[in-house]
Amino acid sequence: MIQKLENRKIVVISGVLLVIGITVLIVARVNEDTWIKDGSGNWVMHGNPAIQDFESCARKYPIMETYPERCQIPNGPTFVKQY
């Protein structure tokens, strides 16, 4: 009886640790393809973000009413429309 309870505890603890491990891996991969600031304050790609130019930014985010037009990723870089 005591052995069964200990085995059950081991299975439950192992299951919980497995779920936590998988969750950590998923969360760590979510922001892989983003922009980050380097030590100099410049925006650099981390991973392979889908938005790398003005046109791809403008498809997802609003265009600023400036000349030349600009598109900024929230908490990310600003892209300028090239004429």
PDB file of N, CA and C in Angstrom:
ATOM      1  N   MET A   1       0.822  -1.195   0.000  1.00  0.00           N
ATOM      2  CA  MET A   1       0.000   0.000   0.000  1.00  0.00           C
ATOM      3  C   MET A   1       0.863   1.255   0.000  1.00  0.00           C
ATOM      4  N   ILE A   2       1.861   1.303   0.886  1.00  0.00           N
ATOM      5  CA  ILE A   2       2.750   2.455   0.963  1.00  0.00           C
ATOM      6  C   ILE A   2       3.579   2.561  -0.319  1.00  0.00           C
ATOM      7  N   GLN A   3       3.982   1.426  -0.850  1.00  0.00           N
ATOM      8  CA  GLN A   3       4.770   1.405  -2.090  1.00  0.00           C
ATOM      9  C   GLN A   3       3.959   1.983  -3.256  1.00  0.00           C
ATOM     10  N   LYS A   4       2.653   1.660  -3.331  1.00  0.00           N
ATOM     11  CA  LYS A   4       1.802   2.170  -4.388  1.00  0.00           C
ATOM     12  C   LYS A   4       1.668   3.683  -4.301  1.00  0.00           C
ATOM     13  N   LEU A   5       1.539   4.223  -3.078  1.00  0.00           N
ATOM     14  CA  LEU A   5       1.430   5.672  -2.903  1.00  0.00           C
ATOM     15  C   LEU A   5       2.714   6.368  -3.329  1.00  0.00           C
ATOM     16  N   GLU A   6       3.862   5.786  -2.994  1.00  0.00           N
ATOM     17  CA  GLU A   6       5.135   6.372  -3.378  1.00  0.00           C
ATOM     18  C   GLU A   6       5.306   6.325  -4.892  1.00  0.00           C
ATOM     19  N   ASN A   7       4.910   5.225  -5.511  1.00  0.00           N
ATOM     20  CA  ASN A   7       4.989   5.132  -6.970  1.00  0.00           C
ATOM     21  C   ASN A   7       4.085   6.163  -7.634  1.00  0.00           C
ATOM     22  N   ARG A   8       2.901   6.348  -7.085  1.00  0.00           N
ATOM     23  CA  ARG A   8       1.965   7.321  -7.623  1.00  0.00           C
ATOM     24  C   ARG A   8       2.529   8.729  -7.504  1.00  0.00           C
ATOM     25  N   LYS A   9       3.175   9.044  -6.363  1.00  0.00           N
ATOM     26  CA  LYS A   9       3.792  10.357  -6.174  1.00  0.00           C
ATOM     27  C   LYS A   9       4.885  10.582  -7.214  1.00  0.00           C
ATOM     28  N   ILE A  10       5.684   9.570  -7.450  1.00  0.00           N
ATOM     29  CA  ILE A  10       6.775   9.688  -8.432  1.00  0.00           C
ATOM     30  C   ILE A  10       6.200   9.947  -9.827  1.00  0.00           C
ATOM     31  N   VAL A  11       5.135   9.237 -10.182  1.00  0.00           N
ATOM     32  CA  VAL A  11       4.511   9.422 -11.500  1.00  0.00           C
ATOM     33  C   VAL A  11       3.929  10.823 -11.613  1.00  0.00           C
ATOM     34  N   VAL A  12       3.244  11.306 -10.586  1.00  0.00           N
ATOM     35  CA  VAL A  12       2.642  12.637 -10.617  1.00  0.00           C
ATOM     36  C   VAL A  12       3.731  13.710 -10.705  1.00  0.00           C
ATOM     37  N   ILE A  13       4.760  13.599  -9.892  1.00  0.00           N
ATOM     38  CA  ILE A  13       5.854  14.580  -9.913  1.00  0.00           C
ATOM     39  C   ILE A  13       6.555  14.568 -11.263  1.00  0.00           C
ATOM     40  N   SER A  14       6.788  13.383 -11.827  1.00  0.00           N
ATOM     41  CA  SER A  14       7.418  13.286 -13.142  1.00  0.00           C
ATOM     42  C   SER A  14       6.542  13.942 -14.211  1.00  0.00           C
ATOM     43  N   GLY A  15       5.247  13.718 -14.137  1.00  0.00           N
ATOM     44  CA  GLY A  15       4.318  14.330 -15.092  1.00  0.00           C
ATOM     45  C   GLY A  15       4.318  15.841 -14.997  1.00  0.00           C
ATOM     46  N   VAL A  16       4.297  16.362 -13.778  1.00  0.00           N
ATOM     47  CA  VAL A  16       4.314  17.811 -13.577  1.00  0.00           C
ATOM     48  C   VAL A  16       5.615  18.405 -14.119  1.00  0.00           C
ATOM     49  N   LEU A  17       6.738  17.770 -13.833  1.00  0.00           N
ATOM     50  CA  LEU A  17       8.027  18.262 -14.339  1.00  0.00           C
ATOM     51  C   LEU A  17       8.076  18.219 -15.863  1.00  0.00           C
ATOM     52  N   LEU A  18       7.506  17.192 -16.453  1.00  0.00           N
ATOM     53  CA  LEU A  18       7.465  17.089 -17.905  1.00  0.00           C
ATOM     54  C   LEU A  18       6.638  18.225 -18.506  1.00  0.00           C
ATOM     55  N   VAL A  19       5.477  18.498 -17.935  1.00  0.00           N
ATOM     56  CA  VAL A  19       4.624  19.584 -18.425  1.00  0.00           C
ATOM     57  C   VAL A  19       5.345  20.927 -18.275  1.00  0.00           C
ATOM     58  N   ILE A  20       5.995  21.155 -17.151  1.00  0.00           N
ATOM     59  CA  ILE A  20       6.741  22.400 -16.943  1.00  0.00           C
ATOM     60  C   ILE A  20       7.867  22.518 -17.966  1.00  0.00           C
ATOM     61  N   GLY A  21       8.589  21.442 -18.197  1.00  0.00           N
ATOM     62  CA  GLY A  21       9.680  21.459 -19.176  1.00  0.00           C
ATOM     63  C   GLY A  21       9.198  21.777 -20.577  1.00  0.00           C
ATOM     64  N   ILE A  22       8.111  21.158 -20.995  1.00  0.00           N
ATOM     65  CA  ILE A  22       7.557  21.421 -22.324  1.00  0.00           C
ATOM     66  C   ILE A  22       7.083  22.865 -22.425  1.00  0.00           C
ATOM     67  N   THR A  23       6.439  23.372 -21.386  1.00  0.00           N
ATOM     68  CA  THR A  23       5.975  24.760 -21.374  1.00  0.00           C
ATOM     69  C   THR A  23       7.143  25.726 -21.509  1.00  0.00           C
ATOM     70  N   VAL A  24       8.213  25.486 -20.789  1.00  0.00           N
ATOM     71  CA  VAL A  24       9.393  26.354 -20.864  1.00  0.00           C
ATOM     72  C   VAL A  24       9.969  26.342 -22.274  1.00  0.00           C
ATOM     73  N   LEU A  25      10.047  25.187 -22.903  1.00  0.00           N
ATOM     74  CA  LEU A  25      10.563  25.106 -24.269  1.00  0.00           C
ATOM     75  C   LEU A  25       9.686  25.867 -25.256  1.00  0.00           C
ATOM     76  N   ILE A  26       8.390  25.755 -25.109  1.00  0.00           N
ATOM     77  CA  ILE A  26       7.471  26.457 -26.008  1.00  0.00           C
ATOM     78  C   ILE A  26       7.592  27.963 -25.814  1.00  0.00           C
ATOM     79  N   VAL A  27       7.603  28.423 -24.584  1.00  0.00           N
ATOM     80  CA  VAL A  27       7.702  29.859 -24.302  1.00  0.00           C
ATOM     81  C   VAL A  27       9.041  30.410 -24.783  1.00  0.00           C
ATOM     82  N   ALA A  28      10.102  29.667 -24.637  1.00  0.00           N
ATOM     83  CA  ALA A  28      11.423  30.129 -25.057  1.00  0.00           C
ATOM     84  C   ALA A  28      11.491  30.268 -26.572  1.00  0.00           C
ATOM     85  N   ARG A  29      10.743  29.488 -27.320  1.00  0.00           N
ATOM     86  CA  ARG A  29      10.780  29.537 -28.781  1.00  0.00           C
ATOM     87  C   ARG A  29       9.866  30.602 -29.357  1.00  0.00           C
ATOM     88  N   VAL A  30       8.899  31.098 -28.596  1.00  0.00           N
ATOM     89  CA  VAL A  30       7.917  32.038 -29.121  1.00  0.00           C
ATOM     90  C   VAL A  30       8.582  33.313 -29.639  1.00  0.00           C
ATOM     91  N   ASN A  31       9.515  33.894 -28.906  1.00  0.00           N
ATOM     92  CA  ASN A  31      10.108  35.165 -29.280  1.00  0.00           C
ATOM     93  C   ASN A  31      11.426  35.027 -30.025  1.00  0.00           C
ATOM     94  N   GLU A  32      11.679  33.870 -30.607  1.00  0.00           N
ATOM     95  CA  GLU A  32      12.951  33.673 -31.286  1.00  0.00           C
ATOM     96  C   GLU A  32      13.082  34.576 -32.510  1.00  0.00           C
ATOM     97  N   ASP A  33      12.000  34.769 -33.239  1.00  0.00           N
ATOM     98  CA  ASP A  33      12.049  35.561 -34.458  1.00  0.00           C
ATOM     99  C   ASP A  33      11.582  36.982 -34.191  1.00  0.00           C
ATOM    100  N   THR A  34      12.382  37.738 -33.475  1.00  0.00           N
ATOM    101  CA  THR A  34      12.029  39.105 -33.122  1.00  0.00           C
ATOM    102  C   THR A  34      13.222  40.026 -33.327  1.00  0.00           C
ATOM    103  N   TRP A  35      13.016  41.281 -33.053  1.00  0.00           N
ATOM    104  CA  TRP A  35      14.075  42.284 -33.107  1.00  0.00           C
ATOM    105  C   TRP A  35      14.513  42.598 -31.679  1.00  0.00           C
ATOM    106  N   ILE A  36      15.807  42.761 -31.474  1.00  0.00           N
ATOM    107  CA  ILE A  36      16.332  43.134 -30.164  1.00  0.00           C
ATOM    108  C   ILE A  36      17.352  44.254 -30.353  1.00  0.00           C
ATOM    109  N   LYS A  37      17.616  44.996 -29.284  1.00  0.00           N
ATOM    110  CA  LYS A  37      18.643  46.036 -29.337  1.00  0.00           C
ATOM    111  C   LYS A  37      19.970  45.447 -28.900  1.00  0.00           C
ATOM    112  N   ASP A  38      21.024  45.774 -29.661  1.00  0.00           N
ATOM    113  CA  ASP A  38      22.352  45.308 -29.262  1.00  0.00           C
ATOM    114  C   ASP A  38      22.949  46.288 -28.251  1.00  0.00           C
ATOM    115  N   GLY A  39      24.172  46.067 -27.860  1.00  0.00           N
ATOM    116  CA  GLY A  39      24.824  46.911 -26.861  1.00  0.00           C
ATOM    117  C   GLY A  39      24.955  48.361 -27.280  1.00  0.00           C
ATOM    118  N   SER A  40      24.960  48.639 -28.598  1.00  0.00           N
ATOM    119  CA  SER A  40      25.089  50.001 -29.114  1.00  0.00           C
ATOM    120  C   SER A  40      23.740  50.696 -29.252  1.00  0.00           C
ATOM    121  N   GLY A  41      22.661  49.994 -28.975  1.00  0.00           N
ATOM    122  CA  GLY A  41      21.329  50.567 -29.102  1.00  0.00           C
ATOM    123  C   GLY A  41      20.741  50.415 -30.493  1.00  0.00           C
ATOM    124  N   ASN A  42      21.396  49.647 -31.365  1.00  0.00           N
ATOM    125  CA  ASN A  42      20.889  49.410 -32.711  1.00  0.00           C
ATOM    126  C   ASN A  42      19.980  48.190 -32.724  1.00  0.00           C
ATOM    127  N   TRP A  43      18.935  48.243 -33.559  1.00  0.00           N
ATOM    128  CA  TRP A  43      18.024  47.108 -33.680  1.00  0.00           C
ATOM    129  C   TRP A  43      18.651  46.067 -34.586  1.00  0.00           C
ATOM    130  N   VAL A  44      18.666  44.828 -34.138  1.00  0.00           N
ATOM    131  CA  VAL A  44      19.208  43.723 -34.920  1.00  0.00           C
ATOM    132  C   VAL A  44      18.218  42.561 -34.903  1.00  0.00           C
ATOM    133  N   MET A  45      18.273  41.740 -35.967  1.00  0.00           N
ATOM    134  CA  MET A  45      17.384  40.589 -36.043  1.00  0.00           C
ATOM    135  C   MET A  45      17.832  39.514 -35.072  1.00  0.00           C
ATOM    136  N   HIS A  46      16.888  38.930 -34.405  1.00  0.00           N
ATOM    137  CA  HIS A  46      17.142  37.762 -33.560  1.00  0.00           C
ATOM    138  C   HIS A  46      16.327  36.650 -34.182  1.00  0.00           C
ATOM    139  N   GLY A  47      17.004  35.678 -34.709  1.00  0.00           N
ATOM    140  CA  GLY A  47      16.298  34.631 -35.437  1.00  0.00           C
ATOM    141  C   GLY A  47      16.069  35.089 -36.861  1.00  0.00           C
ATOM    142  N   ASN A  48      14.890  34.897 -37.400  1.00  0.00           N
ATOM    143  CA  ASN A  48      14.558  35.286 -38.761  1.00  0.00           C
ATOM    144  C   ASN A  48      13.171  35.916 -38.769  1.00  0.00           C
ATOM    145  N   PRO A  49      13.046  37.177 -38.314  1.00  0.00           N
ATOM    146  CA  PRO A  49      11.722  37.785 -38.240  1.00  0.00           C
ATOM    147  C   PRO A  49      11.093  37.952 -39.618  1.00  0.00           C
ATOM    148  N   ALA A  50       9.789  37.835 -39.681  1.00  0.00           N
ATOM    149  CA  ALA A  50       9.064  37.937 -40.940  1.00  0.00           C
ATOM    150  C   ALA A  50       9.078  39.367 -41.474  1.00  0.00           C
ATOM    151  N   ILE A  51       9.156  40.364 -40.615  1.00  0.00           N
ATOM    152  CA  ILE A  51       9.137  41.760 -41.032  1.00  0.00           C
ATOM    153  C   ILE A  51      10.567  42.265 -41.099  1.00  0.00           C
ATOM    154  N   GLN A  52      11.023  42.537 -42.338  1.00  0.00           N
ATOM    155  CA  GLN A  52      12.391  42.992 -42.524  1.00  0.00           C
ATOM    156  C   GLN A  52      12.485  44.237 -43.393  1.00  0.00           C
ATOM    157  N   ASP A  53      11.328  44.763 -43.853  1.00  0.00           N
ATOM    158  CA  ASP A  53      11.351  45.955 -44.678  1.00  0.00           C
ATOM    159  C   ASP A  53      10.043  46.723 -44.515  1.00  0.00           C
ATOM    160  N   PHE A  54       9.980  47.913 -45.156  1.00  0.00           N
ATOM    161  CA  PHE A  54       8.810  48.777 -45.019  1.00  0.00           C
ATOM    162  C   PHE A  54       7.541  48.080 -45.494  1.00  0.00           C
ATOM    163  N   GLU A  55       7.593  47.426 -46.642  1.00  0.00           N
ATOM    164  CA  GLU A  55       6.398  46.815 -47.214  1.00  0.00           C
ATOM    165  C   GLU A  55       5.811  45.736 -46.298  1.00  0.00           C
ATOM    166  N   SER A  56       6.656  44.870 -45.754  1.00  0.00           N
ATOM    167  CA  SER A  56       6.143  43.817 -44.869  1.00  0.00           C
ATOM    168  C   SER A  56       5.645  44.405 -43.554  1.00  0.00           C
ATOM    169  N   CYS A  57       6.257  45.496 -43.098  1.00  0.00           N
ATOM    170  CA  CYS A  57       5.788  46.166 -41.878  1.00  0.00           C
ATOM    171  C   CYS A  57       4.425  46.807 -42.118  1.00  0.00           C
ATOM    172  N   ALA A  58       4.272  47.476 -43.294  1.00  0.00           N
ATOM    173  CA  ALA A  58       3.030  48.186 -43.600  1.00  0.00           C
ATOM    174  C   ALA A  58       1.849  47.237 -43.757  1.00  0.00           C
ATOM    175  N   ARG A  59       2.096  45.982 -44.087  1.00  0.00           N
ATOM    176  CA  ARG A  59       0.998  45.010 -44.194  1.00  0.00           C
ATOM    177  C   ARG A  59       0.397  44.689 -42.839  1.00  0.00           C
ATOM    178  N   LYS A  60       1.179  44.865 -41.787  1.00  0.00           N
ATOM    179  CA  LYS A  60       0.718  44.462 -40.451  1.00  0.00           C
ATOM    180  C   LYS A  60       0.489  45.646 -39.508  1.00  0.00           C
ATOM    181  N   TYR A  61       1.243  46.730 -39.681  1.00  0.00           N
ATOM    182  CA  TYR A  61       1.175  47.867 -38.757  1.00  0.00           C
ATOM    183  C   TYR A  61       0.827  49.148 -39.508  1.00  0.00           C
ATOM    184  N   PRO A  62       0.270  50.149 -38.806  1.00  0.00           N
ATOM    185  CA  PRO A  62      -0.101  51.397 -39.478  1.00  0.00           C
ATOM    186  C   PRO A  62       1.132  52.170 -39.966  1.00  0.00           C
ATOM    187  N   ILE A  63       0.913  52.940 -41.022  1.00  0.00           N
ATOM    188  CA  ILE A  63       1.975  53.767 -41.587  1.00  0.00           C
ATOM    189  C   ILE A  63       1.880  55.152 -40.955  1.00  0.00           C
ATOM    190  N   MET A  64       3.023  55.695 -40.545  1.00  0.00           N
ATOM    191  CA  MET A  64       3.053  57.033 -39.959  1.00  0.00           C
ATOM    192  C   MET A  64       2.867  58.075 -41.060  1.00  0.00           C
ATOM    193  N   GLU A  65       2.180  59.162 -40.730  1.00  0.00           N
ATOM    194  CA  GLU A  65       1.964  60.237 -41.694  1.00  0.00           C
ATOM    195  C   GLU A  65       3.165  61.174 -41.668  1.00  0.00           C
ATOM    196  N   THR A  66       4.265  60.709 -42.216  1.00  0.00           N
ATOM    197  CA  THR A  66       5.497  61.490 -42.289  1.00  0.00           C
ATOM    198  C   THR A  66       5.996  61.430 -43.727  1.00  0.00           C
ATOM    199  N   TYR A  67       6.981  62.235 -44.030  1.00  0.00           N
ATOM    200  CA  TYR A  67       7.630  62.110 -45.330  1.00  0.00           C
ATOM    201  C   TYR A  67       9.107  61.962 -45.096  1.00  0.00           C
ATOM    202  N   PRO A  68       9.709  60.912 -45.560  1.00  0.00           N
ATOM    203  CA  PRO A  68       9.052  59.767 -46.197  1.00  0.00           C
ATOM    204  C   PRO A  68       8.231  58.971 -45.186  1.00  0.00           C
ATOM    205  N   GLU A  69       7.313  58.166 -45.698  1.00  0.00           N
ATOM    206  CA  GLU A  69       6.457  57.374 -44.828  1.00  0.00           C
ATOM    207  C   GLU A  69       7.295  56.403 -44.006  1.00  0.00           C
ATOM    208  N   ARG A  70       6.835  56.151 -42.787  1.00  0.00           N
ATOM    209  CA  ARG A  70       7.536  55.238 -41.884  1.00  0.00           C
ATOM    210  C   ARG A  70       6.542  54.251 -41.289  1.00  0.00           C
ATOM    211  N   CYS A  71       7.062  53.111 -40.943  1.00  0.00           N
ATOM    212  CA  CYS A  71       6.273  52.080 -40.282  1.00  0.00           C
ATOM    213  C   CYS A  71       7.112  51.570 -39.116  1.00  0.00           C
ATOM    214  N   GLN A  72       6.528  51.545 -37.930  1.00  0.00           N
ATOM    215  CA  GLN A  72       7.270  51.090 -36.763  1.00  0.00           C
ATOM    216  C   GLN A  72       6.612  49.874 -36.143  1.00  0.00           C
ATOM    217  N   ILE A  73       7.451  48.882 -35.861  1.00  0.00           N
ATOM    218  CA  ILE A  73       7.002  47.708 -35.129  1.00  0.00           C
ATOM    219  C   ILE A  73       6.944  48.109 -33.659  1.00  0.00           C
ATOM    220  N   PRO A  74       5.840  47.836 -32.950  1.00  0.00           N
ATOM    221  CA  PRO A  74       5.788  48.178 -31.526  1.00  0.00           C
ATOM    222  C   PRO A  74       6.976  47.576 -30.784  1.00  0.00           C
ATOM    223  N   ASN A  75       7.673  48.414 -30.041  1.00  0.00           N
ATOM    224  CA  ASN A  75       8.873  47.998 -29.304  1.00  0.00           C
ATOM    225  C   ASN A  75       9.919  47.407 -30.240  1.00  0.00           C
ATOM    226  N   GLY A  76       9.969  47.905 -31.459  1.00  0.00           N
ATOM    227  CA  GLY A  76      10.916  47.399 -32.442  1.00  0.00           C
ATOM    228  C   GLY A  76      11.418  48.500 -33.351  1.00  0.00           C
ATOM    229  N   PRO A  77      12.047  48.119 -34.443  1.00  0.00           N
ATOM    230  CA  PRO A  77      12.635  49.108 -35.338  1.00  0.00           C
ATOM    231  C   PRO A  77      11.590  49.839 -36.179  1.00  0.00           C
ATOM    232  N   THR A  78      12.029  50.948 -36.798  1.00  0.00           N
ATOM    233  CA  THR A  78      11.217  51.717 -37.724  1.00  0.00           C
ATOM    234  C   THR A  78      11.773  51.522 -39.128  1.00  0.00           C
ATOM    235  N   PHE A  79      10.885  51.301 -40.086  1.00  0.00           N
ATOM    236  CA  PHE A  79      11.289  51.136 -41.477  1.00  0.00           C
ATOM    237  C   PHE A  79      10.813  52.338 -42.274  1.00  0.00           C
ATOM    238  N   VAL A  80      11.644  52.830 -43.188  1.00  0.00           N
ATOM    239  CA  VAL A  80      11.331  53.998 -44.021  1.00  0.00           C
ATOM    240  C   VAL A  80      11.041  53.526 -45.429  1.00  0.00           C
ATOM    241  N   LYS A  81       9.968  54.107 -46.028  1.00  0.00           N
ATOM    242  CA  LYS A  81       9.604  53.740 -47.398  1.00  0.00           C
ATOM    243  C   LYS A  81      10.672  54.280 -48.353  1.00  0.00           C
ATOM    244  N   GLN A  82      11.167  53.418 -49.206  1.00  0.00           N
ATOM    245  CA  GLN A  82      12.172  53.807 -50.200  1.00  0.00           C
ATOM    246  C   GLN A  82      11.470  54.167 -51.504  1.00  0.00           C
ATOM    247  N   TYR A  83      11.789  55.341 -52.036  1.00  0.00           N
ATOM    248  CA  TYR A  83      11.188  55.788 -53.306  1.00  0.00           C
ATOM    249  C   TYR A  83      12.135  55.552 -54.446  1.00  0.00           C
TER     250      TYR A  83
END
